[in-house]
């Protein structure tokens, strides 16, 4: 029984990491492609905001970018930028 539970947990954790990994890859791509249309990419990379702050910033960017960044894309970009900050801590 414990062995089955262990295998089940490994599968679940693998799926979770795969989903988050794909989100971060997509967020990185969107950041590189969308954000450079308004400002240098170095500007946000110099900031150290938490996830909620990144969400507020990217949400505002989606409103002021005249359709360049969609709301769903802003969320992924925020998660990507936040992941960079986690690695700096």
N, C-alpha and C. Protein backbone atom coordinates (compact mmCIF):
# COMPACT_ATOMS: atom_id res chain seq x y z
N UNK A 1 0.82 -1.19 0.00
CA UNK A 1 0.00 0.00 0.00
C UNK A 1 0.87 1.26 0.00
N UNK A 2 1.91 1.28 0.84
CA UNK A 2 2.80 2.44 0.89
C UNK A 2 3.52 2.65 -0.43
N UNK A 3 3.86 1.57 -1.10
CA UNK A 3 4.55 1.66 -2.39
C UNK A 3 3.65 2.30 -3.44
N UNK A 4 2.39 1.92 -3.45
CA UNK A 4 1.43 2.50 -4.39
C UNK A 4 1.27 4.00 -4.10
N UNK A 5 1.17 4.34 -2.83
CA UNK A 5 1.06 5.75 -2.45
C UNK A 5 2.29 6.53 -2.90
N UNK A 6 3.47 5.96 -2.72
CA UNK A 6 4.71 6.60 -3.13
C UNK A 6 4.76 6.84 -4.63
N UNK A 7 4.36 5.85 -5.41
CA UNK A 7 4.34 5.99 -6.87
C UNK A 7 3.32 7.05 -7.26
N UNK A 8 2.18 7.04 -6.63
CA UNK A 8 1.14 8.03 -6.90
C UNK A 8 1.67 9.45 -6.62
N UNK A 9 2.36 9.65 -5.51
CA UNK A 9 2.89 10.96 -5.16
C UNK A 9 3.95 11.42 -6.16
N UNK A 10 4.78 10.52 -6.62
CA UNK A 10 5.80 10.87 -7.62
C UNK A 10 5.13 11.34 -8.91
N UNK A 11 4.09 10.65 -9.32
CA UNK A 11 3.36 11.04 -10.53
C UNK A 11 2.71 12.40 -10.36
N UNK A 12 2.05 12.62 -9.24
CA UNK A 12 1.39 13.90 -8.98
C UNK A 12 2.41 15.03 -8.94
N UNK A 13 3.52 14.86 -8.23
CA UNK A 13 4.54 15.90 -8.16
C UNK A 13 5.14 16.18 -9.54
N UNK A 14 5.35 15.15 -10.33
CA UNK A 14 5.85 15.34 -11.68
C UNK A 14 4.90 16.17 -12.53
N UNK A 15 3.62 15.90 -12.41
CA UNK A 15 2.63 16.68 -13.16
C UNK A 15 2.60 18.14 -12.71
N UNK A 16 2.71 18.36 -11.41
CA UNK A 16 2.70 19.72 -10.88
C UNK A 16 3.92 20.49 -11.38
N UNK A 17 5.10 19.89 -11.30
CA UNK A 17 6.31 20.57 -11.76
C UNK A 17 6.27 20.82 -13.26
N UNK A 18 5.68 19.90 -14.01
CA UNK A 18 5.58 20.08 -15.45
C UNK A 18 4.67 21.26 -15.79
N UNK A 19 3.54 21.38 -15.10
CA UNK A 19 2.62 22.49 -15.35
C UNK A 19 3.29 23.81 -15.02
N UNK A 20 3.94 23.91 -13.85
CA UNK A 20 4.59 25.17 -13.47
C UNK A 20 5.76 25.47 -14.38
N UNK A 21 6.49 24.44 -14.78
CA UNK A 21 7.61 24.64 -15.70
C UNK A 21 7.15 25.19 -17.03
N UNK A 22 6.04 24.67 -17.54
CA UNK A 22 5.50 25.17 -18.80
C UNK A 22 5.00 26.60 -18.66
N UNK A 23 4.39 26.92 -17.53
CA UNK A 23 3.93 28.30 -17.29
C UNK A 23 5.11 29.26 -17.31
N UNK A 24 6.20 28.88 -16.66
CA UNK A 24 7.37 29.75 -16.60
C UNK A 24 8.01 29.91 -17.97
N UNK A 25 8.06 28.82 -18.75
CA UNK A 25 8.61 28.91 -20.10
C UNK A 25 7.76 29.84 -20.96
N UNK A 26 6.45 29.70 -20.86
CA UNK A 26 5.56 30.56 -21.64
C UNK A 26 5.67 32.01 -21.17
N UNK A 27 5.76 32.21 -19.85
CA UNK A 27 5.92 33.55 -19.31
C UNK A 27 7.21 34.20 -19.78
N UNK A 28 8.27 33.41 -19.83
CA UNK A 28 9.57 33.93 -20.31
C UNK A 28 9.46 34.34 -21.77
N UNK A 29 8.86 33.49 -22.58
CA UNK A 29 8.68 33.81 -23.99
C UNK A 29 7.86 35.08 -24.17
N UNK A 30 6.75 35.18 -23.45
CA UNK A 30 5.89 36.37 -23.56
C UNK A 30 6.63 37.62 -23.10
N UNK A 31 7.37 37.50 -22.00
CA UNK A 31 8.16 38.64 -21.52
C UNK A 31 9.13 39.11 -22.60
N UNK A 32 9.86 38.18 -23.18
CA UNK A 32 10.86 38.54 -24.18
C UNK A 32 10.23 39.12 -25.44
N UNK A 33 9.07 38.63 -25.81
CA UNK A 33 8.44 39.08 -27.06
C UNK A 33 7.56 40.32 -26.89
N UNK A 34 6.84 40.41 -25.79
CA UNK A 34 5.84 41.46 -25.63
C UNK A 34 6.40 42.71 -24.94
N UNK A 35 7.17 42.52 -23.90
CA UNK A 35 7.58 43.66 -23.08
C UNK A 35 8.58 44.58 -23.79
N UNK A 36 9.37 44.00 -24.69
CA UNK A 36 10.37 44.82 -25.38
C UNK A 36 9.75 45.82 -26.35
N UNK A 37 8.47 45.67 -26.63
CA UNK A 37 7.84 46.63 -27.55
C UNK A 37 7.63 47.99 -26.89
N UNK A 38 7.69 48.06 -25.55
CA UNK A 38 7.47 49.33 -24.85
C UNK A 38 8.71 49.83 -24.08
N UNK A 39 9.56 48.92 -23.63
CA UNK A 39 10.72 49.34 -22.84
C UNK A 39 11.82 48.28 -22.92
N UNK A 40 13.05 48.66 -22.55
CA UNK A 40 14.12 47.66 -22.52
C UNK A 40 13.81 46.55 -21.52
N UNK A 41 14.17 45.33 -21.85
CA UNK A 41 13.91 44.21 -20.94
C UNK A 41 14.71 44.32 -19.65
N UNK A 42 15.78 45.08 -19.68
CA UNK A 42 16.60 45.23 -18.47
C UNK A 42 15.85 45.97 -17.37
N UNK A 43 14.90 46.80 -17.73
CA UNK A 43 14.17 47.60 -16.73
C UNK A 43 13.47 46.71 -15.69
N UNK A 44 12.60 45.79 -16.09
CA UNK A 44 11.95 44.94 -15.07
C UNK A 44 12.92 43.95 -14.42
N UNK A 45 13.97 43.57 -15.14
CA UNK A 45 14.92 42.61 -14.57
C UNK A 45 15.72 43.20 -13.42
N UNK A 46 15.76 44.51 -13.31
CA UNK A 46 16.47 45.17 -12.22
C UNK A 46 15.61 45.31 -10.97
N UNK A 47 14.32 45.02 -11.09
CA UNK A 47 13.40 45.17 -9.97
C UNK A 47 13.29 43.88 -9.17
N UNK A 48 12.98 44.02 -7.91
CA UNK A 48 12.76 42.84 -7.05
C UNK A 48 11.41 42.99 -6.36
N UNK A 49 10.36 42.65 -7.09
CA UNK A 49 9.00 42.72 -6.56
C UNK A 49 8.52 41.32 -6.19
N UNK A 50 7.51 41.27 -5.33
CA UNK A 50 6.90 39.98 -5.03
C UNK A 50 5.81 39.70 -6.08
N UNK A 51 5.19 38.53 -5.99
CA UNK A 51 4.23 38.12 -7.01
C UNK A 51 3.06 39.10 -7.12
N UNK A 52 2.52 39.53 -6.01
CA UNK A 52 1.38 40.45 -6.05
C UNK A 52 1.77 41.77 -6.71
N UNK A 53 2.97 42.24 -6.42
CA UNK A 53 3.44 43.48 -7.06
C UNK A 53 3.63 43.29 -8.56
N UNK A 54 4.21 42.15 -8.95
CA UNK A 54 4.36 41.87 -10.38
C UNK A 54 3.01 41.77 -11.07
N UNK A 55 2.05 41.16 -10.41
CA UNK A 55 0.71 41.05 -11.00
C UNK A 55 0.10 42.43 -11.22
N UNK A 56 0.27 43.32 -10.25
CA UNK A 56 -0.26 44.68 -10.39
C UNK A 56 0.44 45.42 -11.53
N UNK A 57 1.76 45.27 -11.61
CA UNK A 57 2.53 45.94 -12.65
C UNK A 57 2.16 45.41 -14.03
N UNK A 58 2.13 44.09 -14.18
CA UNK A 58 1.83 43.53 -15.51
C UNK A 58 0.37 43.76 -15.89
N UNK A 59 -0.51 43.80 -14.91
CA UNK A 59 -1.92 44.12 -15.20
C UNK A 59 -2.02 45.55 -15.74
N UNK A 60 -1.31 46.46 -15.12
CA UNK A 60 -1.30 47.84 -15.59
C UNK A 60 -0.68 47.93 -16.99
N UNK A 61 0.37 47.17 -17.22
CA UNK A 61 1.01 47.17 -18.55
C UNK A 61 0.03 46.63 -19.61
N UNK A 62 -0.76 45.65 -19.24
CA UNK A 62 -1.71 45.10 -20.21
C UNK A 62 -2.77 46.14 -20.57
N UNK A 63 -3.11 47.00 -19.62
CA UNK A 63 -4.11 48.05 -19.88
C UNK A 63 -3.54 49.18 -20.72
N UNK A 64 -2.25 49.49 -20.53
CA UNK A 64 -1.65 50.62 -21.23
C UNK A 64 -0.93 50.23 -22.51
N UNK A 65 -0.83 48.93 -22.79
CA UNK A 65 -0.07 48.48 -23.96
C UNK A 65 -0.89 48.42 -25.24
N UNK A 66 -2.13 48.89 -25.18
CA UNK A 66 -3.01 48.93 -26.36
C UNK A 66 -3.11 47.57 -27.06
N UNK A 67 -3.35 46.53 -26.28
CA UNK A 67 -3.57 45.21 -26.84
C UNK A 67 -2.35 44.36 -27.06
N UNK A 68 -1.16 44.90 -26.75
CA UNK A 68 0.06 44.11 -26.93
C UNK A 68 0.09 42.94 -25.96
N UNK A 69 -0.31 43.21 -24.71
CA UNK A 69 -0.31 42.17 -23.67
C UNK A 69 -1.75 41.93 -23.23
N UNK A 70 -2.19 40.69 -23.34
CA UNK A 70 -3.52 40.30 -22.87
C UNK A 70 -3.46 40.02 -21.36
N UNK A 71 -4.61 40.05 -20.69
CA UNK A 71 -4.65 39.81 -19.24
C UNK A 71 -4.05 38.45 -18.87
N UNK A 72 -4.39 37.42 -19.63
CA UNK A 72 -3.87 36.08 -19.32
C UNK A 72 -2.36 36.02 -19.51
N UNK A 73 -1.85 36.78 -20.46
CA UNK A 73 -0.41 36.83 -20.69
C UNK A 73 0.28 37.59 -19.56
N UNK A 74 -0.37 38.64 -19.07
CA UNK A 74 0.19 39.43 -17.97
C UNK A 74 0.41 38.55 -16.74
N UNK A 75 -0.52 37.66 -16.48
CA UNK A 75 -0.41 36.74 -15.34
C UNK A 75 0.82 35.84 -15.49
N UNK A 76 1.02 35.30 -16.68
CA UNK A 76 2.17 34.42 -16.92
C UNK A 76 3.48 35.19 -16.84
N UNK A 77 3.50 36.41 -17.34
CA UNK A 77 4.70 37.24 -17.26
C UNK A 77 5.02 37.54 -15.80
N UNK A 78 4.01 37.85 -15.00
CA UNK A 78 4.21 38.12 -13.58
C UNK A 78 4.81 36.92 -12.87
N UNK A 79 4.30 35.74 -13.16
CA UNK A 79 4.83 34.52 -12.53
C UNK A 79 6.28 34.29 -12.93
N UNK A 80 6.60 34.54 -14.19
CA UNK A 80 7.98 34.38 -14.66
C UNK A 80 8.90 35.36 -13.93
N UNK A 81 8.52 36.64 -13.91
CA UNK A 81 9.37 37.65 -13.26
C UNK A 81 9.52 37.36 -11.77
N UNK A 82 8.47 36.88 -11.14
CA UNK A 82 8.56 36.52 -9.73
C UNK A 82 9.52 35.36 -9.53
N UNK A 83 9.53 34.41 -10.45
CA UNK A 83 10.45 33.26 -10.31
C UNK A 83 11.90 33.73 -10.35
N UNK A 84 12.18 34.78 -11.09
CA UNK A 84 13.54 35.33 -11.12
C UNK A 84 13.91 35.94 -9.78
N UNK A 85 12.96 36.58 -9.14
CA UNK A 85 13.21 37.18 -7.83
C UNK A 85 13.46 36.14 -6.77
N UNK A 86 12.77 35.02 -6.85
CA UNK A 86 12.96 33.94 -5.87
C UNK A 86 14.39 33.44 -5.93
N UNK A 87 14.93 33.34 -7.15
CA UNK A 87 16.29 32.83 -7.29
C UNK A 87 17.33 33.84 -6.80
N UNK A 88 16.97 35.12 -6.67
CA UNK A 88 17.90 36.15 -6.17
C UNK A 88 17.98 36.16 -4.66
N UNK A 89 16.99 35.57 -3.99
CA UNK A 89 16.93 35.63 -2.52
C UNK A 89 17.89 34.65 -1.90
